[in-house]
Protein backbone atom coordinates (compact mmCIF):
# COMPACT_ATOMS: atom_id res chain seq x y z
CA UNK A 1 128.91 76.38 84.89
CA UNK A 2 128.38 77.12 88.58
CA UNK A 3 125.83 75.44 90.82
CA UNK A 4 123.44 78.43 90.63
CA UNK A 5 123.88 78.77 86.86
CA UNK A 6 122.99 75.09 86.48
CA UNK A 7 119.77 75.66 88.41
CA UNK A 8 119.09 78.67 86.19
CA UNK A 9 119.60 76.61 83.04
CA UNK A 10 117.35 73.86 84.43
CA UNK A 11 114.64 76.44 85.17
CA UNK A 12 114.91 77.96 81.70
CA UNK A 13 114.47 74.53 80.15
CA UNK A 14 111.51 73.81 82.44
CA UNK A 15 109.92 77.19 81.70
CA UNK A 16 108.34 75.84 78.52
CA UNK A 17 106.70 72.95 80.40
CA UNK A 18 105.25 75.32 82.99
CA UNK A 19 104.05 77.90 80.46
CA UNK A 20 102.46 75.39 78.09
CA UNK A 21 100.89 73.14 80.72
CA UNK A 22 97.11 72.87 80.57
CA UNK A 23 94.95 74.02 83.45
CA UNK A 24 94.19 70.37 84.20
CA UNK A 25 97.86 69.44 84.38
CA UNK A 26 98.68 72.35 86.67
CA UNK A 27 95.71 71.57 88.90
CA UNK A 28 96.65 67.88 88.99
CA UNK A 29 100.15 68.92 90.07
CA UNK A 30 98.73 71.12 92.83
CA UNK A 31 96.48 68.31 94.06
CA UNK A 32 99.46 65.96 94.07
CA UNK A 33 101.48 68.48 96.11
CA UNK A 34 98.69 68.95 98.67
CA UNK A 35 98.22 65.21 99.03
CA UNK A 36 101.95 64.58 99.37
CA UNK A 37 102.35 67.27 102.02
CA UNK A 38 99.68 65.74 104.25
CA UNK A 39 101.03 62.22 103.75
CA UNK A 40 104.55 63.42 104.58
CA UNK A 41 103.56 65.29 107.76
CA UNK A 42 105.82 63.26 110.05
CA UNK A 43 108.77 63.64 107.70
CA UNK A 44 108.26 67.42 107.46
CA UNK A 45 107.95 67.84 111.23
CA UNK A 46 111.10 65.78 111.76
CA UNK A 47 113.05 68.09 109.42
CA UNK A 48 111.48 71.17 110.98
CA UNK A 49 112.43 70.05 114.48
CA UNK A 50 116.09 70.12 113.47
CA UNK A 51 115.66 73.74 112.38
CA UNK A 52 113.85 74.60 115.61
CA UNK A 53 116.60 73.01 117.71
CA UNK A 54 119.18 75.06 115.85
CA UNK A 55 117.05 78.17 116.32
CA UNK A 56 117.09 77.73 120.10
CA UNK A 57 120.87 77.17 120.08
CA UNK A 58 121.35 80.33 118.02
CA UNK A 59 119.19 82.47 120.33
CA UNK A 60 116.37 83.14 117.85
CA UNK A 61 113.52 85.18 119.37
CA UNK A 62 110.27 83.47 120.31
CA UNK A 63 108.32 85.34 117.63
CA UNK A 64 110.81 84.29 114.94
CA UNK A 65 110.69 80.69 116.18
CA UNK A 66 106.92 80.88 115.71
CA UNK A 67 107.48 81.88 112.07
CA UNK A 68 109.74 78.87 111.66
CA UNK A 69 107.59 76.24 113.35
CA UNK A 70 105.59 73.66 111.41
CA UNK A 71 103.13 71.31 113.12
CA UNK A 72 100.35 69.05 111.92
CA UNK A 73 97.75 71.83 111.83
CA UNK A 74 100.02 74.24 109.98
CA UNK A 75 100.88 71.59 107.41
CA UNK A 76 97.17 70.90 106.92
CA UNK A 77 96.61 74.65 106.45
CA UNK A 78 99.44 74.84 103.91
CA UNK A 79 97.96 71.91 101.97
CA UNK A 80 94.49 73.50 102.13
CA UNK A 81 95.99 76.69 100.69
CA UNK A 82 97.40 74.70 97.78
CA UNK A 83 93.98 73.18 97.09
CA UNK A 84 92.44 76.67 97.05
CA UNK A 85 94.74 77.44 94.12
CA UNK A 86 93.13 74.55 92.24
CA UNK A 87 89.84 76.42 92.45
CA UNK A 88 91.40 79.72 91.34
CA UNK A 89 90.92 80.95 87.79
CA UNK A 90 93.76 80.10 85.43
CA UNK A 91 94.62 83.48 83.91
CA UNK A 92 97.03 82.18 81.29
CA UNK A 93 95.56 82.80 77.84
CA UNK A 94 92.78 85.03 79.16
CA UNK A 95 92.09 88.20 77.20
CA UNK A 96 92.43 91.55 78.95
CA UNK A 97 91.55 93.64 75.94
CA UNK A 98 90.58 93.23 72.31
CA UNK A 99 89.97 95.60 69.43
CA UNK A 100 89.56 95.60 65.66
CA UNK A 101 91.47 98.51 64.14
CA UNK A 102 90.13 100.52 61.16
CA UNK A 103 92.60 98.69 58.91
CA UNK A 104 91.15 95.31 59.95
CA UNK A 105 93.91 94.22 62.32
CA UNK A 106 92.54 92.24 65.28
CA UNK A 107 94.55 92.99 68.42
CA UNK A 108 94.23 90.95 71.63
CA UNK A 109 96.07 91.62 74.89
CA UNK A 110 96.46 88.27 76.64
CA UNK A 111 97.92 86.99 79.92
CA UNK A 112 101.17 85.00 79.82
CA UNK A 113 103.58 83.83 82.56
CA UNK A 114 106.46 86.03 83.72
CA UNK A 115 108.85 83.15 82.99
CA UNK A 116 111.53 82.16 85.50
CA UNK A 117 111.05 83.74 88.93
CA UNK A 118 113.67 83.83 91.67
CA UNK A 119 112.41 84.21 95.24
CA UNK A 120 114.67 85.00 98.20
CA UNK A 121 113.01 84.66 101.60
CA UNK A 122 113.68 84.21 105.30
CA UNK A 123 112.69 81.81 108.10
CA UNK A 124 109.07 80.96 107.15
CA UNK A 125 109.08 77.51 105.47
CA UNK A 126 105.42 77.87 104.48
CA UNK A 127 106.67 80.44 101.94
CA UNK A 128 108.49 77.59 100.18
CA UNK A 129 105.16 75.99 99.34
CA UNK A 130 103.17 79.21 98.84
CA UNK A 131 105.71 80.64 96.41
CA UNK A 132 106.26 77.43 94.45
CA UNK A 133 102.57 76.65 93.99
CA UNK A 134 101.58 80.20 93.08
CA UNK A 135 104.32 80.33 90.46
CA UNK A 136 103.22 76.95 89.13
CA UNK A 137 99.56 77.95 88.84
CA UNK A 138 100.62 81.09 86.94
CA UNK A 139 102.71 78.98 84.54
CA UNK A 140 106.14 80.01 85.82
CA UNK A 141 109.27 78.11 86.79
CA UNK A 142 110.72 79.13 90.15
CA UNK A 143 114.08 79.07 91.91
CA UNK A 144 113.71 79.36 95.69
CA UNK A 145 116.40 80.66 98.05
CA UNK A 146 115.42 80.33 101.71
CA UNK A 147 117.48 81.22 104.76
CA UNK A 148 119.79 78.86 106.59
CA UNK A 149 117.49 78.86 109.63
CA UNK A 150 114.88 76.82 107.68
CA UNK A 151 117.10 74.84 105.34
CA UNK A 152 116.13 71.37 106.57
CA UNK A 153 112.42 72.18 106.36
CA UNK A 154 112.84 73.77 102.93
CA UNK A 155 114.81 70.85 101.49
CA UNK A 156 112.15 68.44 102.67
CA UNK A 157 109.28 70.51 101.27
CA UNK A 158 111.02 71.11 97.93
CA UNK A 159 111.72 67.40 97.47
CA UNK A 160 108.07 66.56 98.18
CA UNK A 161 106.82 69.14 95.68
CA UNK A 162 109.32 68.20 92.95
CA UNK A 163 108.35 64.55 93.15
CA UNK A 164 104.65 65.47 93.14
CA UNK A 165 104.80 67.59 89.97
CA UNK A 166 106.88 64.93 88.23
CA UNK A 167 104.22 62.33 89.07
CA UNK A 168 101.72 64.14 86.79
CA UNK A 169 104.11 64.55 83.89
CA UNK A 170 105.62 67.98 84.53
CA UNK A 171 109.35 68.62 84.73
CA UNK A 172 110.38 68.58 88.39
CA UNK A 173 112.65 71.55 87.58
CA UNK A 174 109.66 73.89 87.46
CA UNK A 175 110.40 74.01 91.22
CA UNK A 176 113.98 74.23 92.45
CA UNK A 177 115.59 75.12 95.77
CA UNK A 178 119.09 76.50 96.23
CA UNK A 179 120.38 74.24 98.98
CA UNK A 180 123.60 76.19 99.49
CA UNK A 181 122.62 78.89 102.03
CA UNK A 182 125.78 80.98 101.64
CA UNK A 183 125.69 84.67 100.79
CA UNK A 184 127.68 83.92 97.65
CA UNK A 185 124.83 81.92 96.12
CA UNK A 186 122.38 84.68 97.04
CA UNK A 187 124.56 87.26 95.32
CA UNK A 188 124.90 85.04 92.26
CA UNK A 189 121.14 84.57 92.04
CA UNK A 190 120.69 88.35 92.14
CA UNK A 191 122.81 88.65 89.00
CA UNK A 192 121.43 85.69 87.06
CA UNK A 193 120.10 87.84 84.20
CA UNK A 194 120.69 85.12 81.62
CA UNK A 195 118.05 82.92 83.21
CA UNK A 196 115.87 84.94 85.62
CA UNK A 197 113.05 87.20 84.44
CA UNK A 198 112.32 88.71 87.85
CA UNK A 199 113.51 88.44 91.45
CA UNK A 200 111.22 88.79 94.47
CA UNK A 201 112.74 89.24 97.95
CA UNK A 202 110.41 88.41 100.82
CA UNK A 203 111.73 89.16 104.29
CA UNK A 204 113.06 91.88 106.56
CA UNK A 205 114.36 95.30 105.70
CA UNK A 206 117.99 94.15 105.59
CA UNK A 207 117.31 91.43 103.04
CA UNK A 208 115.22 93.66 100.80
CA UNK A 209 117.75 96.50 100.92
CA UNK A 210 120.56 94.11 100.01
CA UNK A 211 118.64 92.69 97.05
CA UNK A 212 117.54 96.07 95.71
CA UNK A 213 121.05 97.51 95.96
CA UNK A 214 122.90 94.53 94.50
CA UNK A 215 120.58 92.84 92.00
CA UNK A 216 120.98 93.30 88.26
CA UNK A 217 117.83 91.23 87.67
CA UNK A 218 114.55 93.22 87.79
CA UNK A 219 113.24 93.23 91.39
CA UNK A 220 109.78 93.49 92.94
CA UNK A 221 110.12 94.66 96.56
CA UNK A 222 107.88 92.95 99.09
CA UNK A 223 107.53 92.53 102.78
CA UNK A 224 109.03 95.31 104.87
CA UNK A 225 106.21 96.69 106.99
CA UNK A 226 106.76 99.61 109.36
CA UNK A 227 102.98 99.90 109.71
CA UNK A 228 101.26 102.72 111.63
CA UNK A 229 98.04 103.30 113.53
CA UNK A 230 97.01 106.93 113.99
CA UNK A 231 94.41 107.53 116.72
CA UNK A 232 92.66 110.75 115.79
CA UNK A 233 91.16 113.23 118.28
CA UNK A 234 87.62 111.95 117.60
CA UNK A 235 88.46 108.24 117.78
CA UNK A 236 86.39 105.67 119.65
CA UNK A 237 88.89 104.72 122.36
CA UNK A 238 87.72 101.12 122.73
CA UNK A 239 87.91 100.65 118.96
CA UNK A 240 91.40 102.18 118.90
CA UNK A 241 92.59 99.88 121.69
CA UNK A 242 91.24 96.82 119.91
CA UNK A 243 92.77 97.81 116.56
CA UNK A 244 96.20 98.54 118.04
CA UNK A 245 96.13 95.36 120.12
CA UNK A 246 95.11 93.20 117.18
CA UNK A 247 97.63 94.81 114.86
CA UNK A 248 100.51 94.44 117.31
CA UNK A 249 99.86 91.17 119.14
CA UNK A 250 97.82 88.77 117.01
CA UNK A 251 100.97 87.82 115.12
CA UNK A 252 103.80 90.29 115.71
CA UNK A 253 106.30 88.59 113.39
CA UNK A 254 104.50 89.35 110.12
CA UNK A 255 104.85 92.31 107.76
CA UNK A 256 101.32 93.69 108.29
CA UNK A 257 101.71 93.88 112.08
CA UNK A 258 101.60 97.34 113.67
CA UNK A 259 105.00 98.75 114.62
CA UNK A 260 104.23 102.39 115.39
CA UNK A 261 101.37 104.20 117.15
CA UNK A 262 100.57 107.89 116.74
CA UNK A 263 97.99 109.46 119.09
CA UNK A 264 96.44 112.93 118.88
CA UNK A 265 97.31 115.07 121.92
CA UNK A 266 93.65 115.85 122.66
CA UNK A 267 92.80 112.18 123.26
CA UNK A 268 96.17 110.86 124.44
CA UNK A 269 95.45 110.98 128.20
CA UNK A 270 92.37 108.79 127.78
CA UNK A 271 93.48 106.62 124.85
CA UNK A 272 97.02 105.68 125.82
CA UNK A 273 96.15 104.02 129.17
CA UNK A 274 93.35 102.04 127.50
CA UNK A 275 95.68 100.90 124.73
CA UNK A 276 98.47 100.09 127.20
CA UNK A 277 96.11 97.93 129.27
CA UNK A 278 95.48 95.76 126.21
CA UNK A 279 99.17 95.61 125.24
CA UNK A 280 100.19 94.77 128.81
CA UNK A 281 98.29 91.50 128.51
CA UNK A 282 100.92 90.47 125.95
CA UNK A 283 103.85 92.17 127.70
CA UNK A 284 104.44 94.57 124.81
CA UNK A 285 107.40 96.88 125.33
CA UNK A 286 106.51 100.53 124.68
CA UNK A 287 109.13 102.93 123.36
CA UNK A 288 107.63 106.38 123.46
CA UNK A 289 108.16 110.13 123.30
CA UNK A 290 108.31 112.38 126.40
CA UNK A 291 104.56 113.02 126.32
CA UNK A 292 103.88 109.28 126.15
CA UNK A 293 106.11 108.70 129.19
CA UNK A 294 104.44 111.55 131.06
CA UNK A 295 101.06 109.85 130.59
CA UNK A 296 102.05 106.19 131.00
CA UNK A 297 104.91 106.46 133.48
CA UNK A 298 108.29 104.84 133.97
CA UNK A 299 107.43 101.65 132.07
CA UNK A 300 107.91 103.61 128.84
CA UNK A 301 111.39 103.35 127.30
CA UNK A 302 112.51 106.63 125.67
CA UNK A 303 112.12 106.24 121.90
CA UNK A 304 114.96 107.02 119.53
CA UNK A 305 114.80 108.18 115.93
CA UNK A 306 115.76 104.64 114.95
CA UNK A 307 112.84 103.17 116.91
CA UNK A 308 110.33 105.11 114.82
CA UNK A 309 111.91 103.72 111.64
CA UNK A 310 112.16 100.10 112.84
CA UNK A 311 110.13 97.07 111.83
CA UNK A 312 110.42 95.22 115.15
CA UNK A 313 108.58 91.99 114.23
CA UNK A 314 108.31 91.47 117.99
CA UNK A 315 106.31 92.53 121.06
CA UNK A 316 107.67 96.08 120.82
CA UNK A 317 105.90 99.23 119.64
CA UNK A 318 107.00 102.84 119.16
CA UNK A 319 104.57 105.54 120.32
CA UNK A 320 104.37 109.28 119.69
CA UNK A 321 101.84 111.93 120.70
CA UNK A 322 101.16 114.28 117.77
CA UNK A 323 99.50 117.68 117.48
CA UNK A 324 97.37 117.05 114.38
CA UNK A 325 96.42 114.72 111.57
CA UNK A 326 98.90 116.64 109.42
CA UNK A 327 101.73 115.80 111.81
CA UNK A 328 100.66 112.16 111.83
CA UNK A 329 100.71 112.05 108.03
CA UNK A 330 104.12 113.76 107.98
CA UNK A 331 105.50 111.20 110.43
CA UNK A 332 104.15 108.34 108.34
CA UNK A 333 105.70 109.83 105.20
CA UNK A 334 109.03 110.05 107.00
CA UNK A 335 109.17 106.59 108.58
CA UNK A 336 106.76 104.34 106.68
CA UNK A 337 107.93 101.59 104.34
CA UNK A 338 104.83 102.07 102.21
CA UNK A 339 103.05 98.92 103.39
CA UNK A 340 99.91 99.55 105.51
CA UNK A 341 98.63 102.39 107.69
CA UNK A 342 95.32 103.02 109.45
CA UNK A 343 93.47 105.93 111.03
CA UNK A 344 90.95 105.49 113.83
CA UNK A 345 88.52 108.39 113.65
CA UNK A 346 84.90 109.53 113.59
CA UNK A 347 85.80 112.42 111.29
CA UNK A 348 84.92 111.80 107.64
CA UNK A 349 87.07 114.79 106.67
CA UNK A 350 90.17 113.40 108.41
CA UNK A 351 89.50 109.89 107.15
CA UNK A 352 89.37 111.10 103.56
CA UNK A 353 92.43 113.30 104.06
CA UNK A 354 94.39 110.40 105.55
CA UNK A 355 93.50 108.02 102.70
CA UNK A 356 94.22 110.70 100.11
CA UNK A 357 97.59 111.86 101.46
CA UNK A 358 99.16 108.70 102.92
CA UNK A 359 101.08 107.00 100.11
CA UNK A 360 101.15 103.34 101.13
CA UNK A 361 99.95 100.20 99.37
CA UNK A 362 97.04 99.82 101.83
CA UNK A 363 95.44 102.71 103.73
CA UNK A 364 92.67 101.87 106.21
CA UNK A 365 90.00 103.70 108.14
CA UNK A 366 88.86 102.11 111.42
CA UNK A 367 90.30 98.65 110.68
CA UNK A 368 93.39 96.63 111.54
CA UNK A 369 96.41 96.57 109.24
CA UNK A 370 96.40 92.79 109.69
CA UNK A 371 93.90 92.63 106.82
CA UNK A 372 96.59 93.39 104.24
CA UNK A 373 96.61 89.91 102.81
CA UNK A 374 95.58 88.41 99.49
CA UNK A 375 93.20 85.95 101.14
CA UNK A 376 91.53 88.65 103.23
CA UNK A 377 91.03 90.77 100.11
CA UNK A 378 89.42 87.85 98.32
CA UNK A 379 92.31 87.45 95.87
CA UNK A 380 93.37 84.04 97.15
CA UNK A 381 96.95 83.17 98.02
CA UNK A 382 99.71 85.73 97.65
CA UNK A 383 103.46 85.68 97.17
CA UNK A 384 103.97 88.81 99.23
CA UNK A 385 102.92 92.43 99.66
CA UNK A 386 104.56 94.71 97.13
CA UNK A 387 105.60 98.06 98.61
CA UNK A 388 106.68 99.52 95.29
CA UNK A 389 104.58 100.82 92.41
CA UNK A 390 105.84 98.86 89.38
CA UNK A 391 104.62 96.44 88.20
CA UNK A 392 102.58 95.41 91.22
CA UNK A 393 101.47 97.05 94.47
CA UNK A 394 99.86 95.50 97.53
CA UNK A 395 99.01 91.78 97.76
CA UNK A 396 100.69 89.92 94.89
CA UNK A 397 98.49 87.06 93.75
CA UNK A 398 98.25 85.10 90.53
CA UNK A 399 97.60 88.10 88.27
CA UNK A 400 100.77 89.82 89.51
CA UNK A 401 102.78 86.72 88.55
CA UNK A 402 101.77 87.15 84.93
CA UNK A 403 102.48 89.69 82.24
CA UNK A 404 100.88 90.41 78.87
CA UNK A 405 101.46 89.52 75.26
CA UNK A 406 99.74 91.06 72.24
CA UNK A 407 98.34 88.75 69.58
CA UNK A 408 97.69 90.49 66.26
CA UNK A 409 95.85 88.86 63.37
CA UNK A 410 95.61 90.36 59.92
CA UNK A 411 94.89 89.44 56.29
CA UNK A 412 97.83 90.99 54.50
CA UNK A 413 97.94 94.49 56.02
CA UNK A 414 101.14 96.46 55.48
CA UNK A 415 102.08 99.86 56.82
């Protein structure tokens, strides 16, 4: 049995403990995790500093280093997020639907855990805690596979969580981390059908493409966000500038950040300079079409086809001047990853058209794409943003980490 298979077998054995745990036991485990994280702040920061030092040596971008960094405040926020899960409704055993058939059969559709979940993710060590605790609350066992850039942080966090859940009587193997960061272990996890019920990749386009193309385990795609803002001819220019600026610069390294800007030709001469003035405050690099360069000048780098299809996760944005809302929608259909798009407009007709015809998980009118988040939607914590249509789409919270089982009660009925 290989190292990864052993983890899979451990998870399968622990699955029962996770699925059958009472709400009180799961909540006690979450409280223990939150408490242990805060008490272990110095230890976590020490491990994280090793990862940060390696990141600098390896030339990691500043925005990616920000994703990697853990400090006292971020650890407090992570612990607070765990405690919010304590307050969340435990869906396991809840009834979605019930009916009594004409023959007397009583049929109930109830919520049950997915089982053993594998999660492959990159650079952000907070995902280690978010993913593990969400899976735990939903009654699942989880195998985590983080990237090498955060391995020291992840090992520290996983050890803290495993000891915490064990302290309340749960099997520590409800949470496991693959400590071997090689590609071989990733590939093996993707084919661990004997033990895994579902695999969730959370990271950049390259990671997600690799998992989708190679996995034999069922996959839920999350994360890749080539998100667009379309500034319509009737847009409020100040609103547009604020929305683009917020979407691009508040936190450029996340999947709901804006990567591409489309501006109607009738408003471009007024809107683009106003937007650029905001972006210049953060030294955002603009890669634009010929019309964009004609309006904004030599600071614009000529955009390539690849630029319009790229999730930069950095202070870079692609820009194109378009002739109509139809062209904007066509461009989004061509380049979008199906995550989040927004239109800035005063036209109800164009707003409705945009929301009707743009096929992404989240489609906004006059609001920032940065709101695509389980917490912002009032769902609580999330494990990622699903950009596919089965079985989940958009923010994946506790409900999306469960499935259904039918319970049928009779009194001797035969067919």
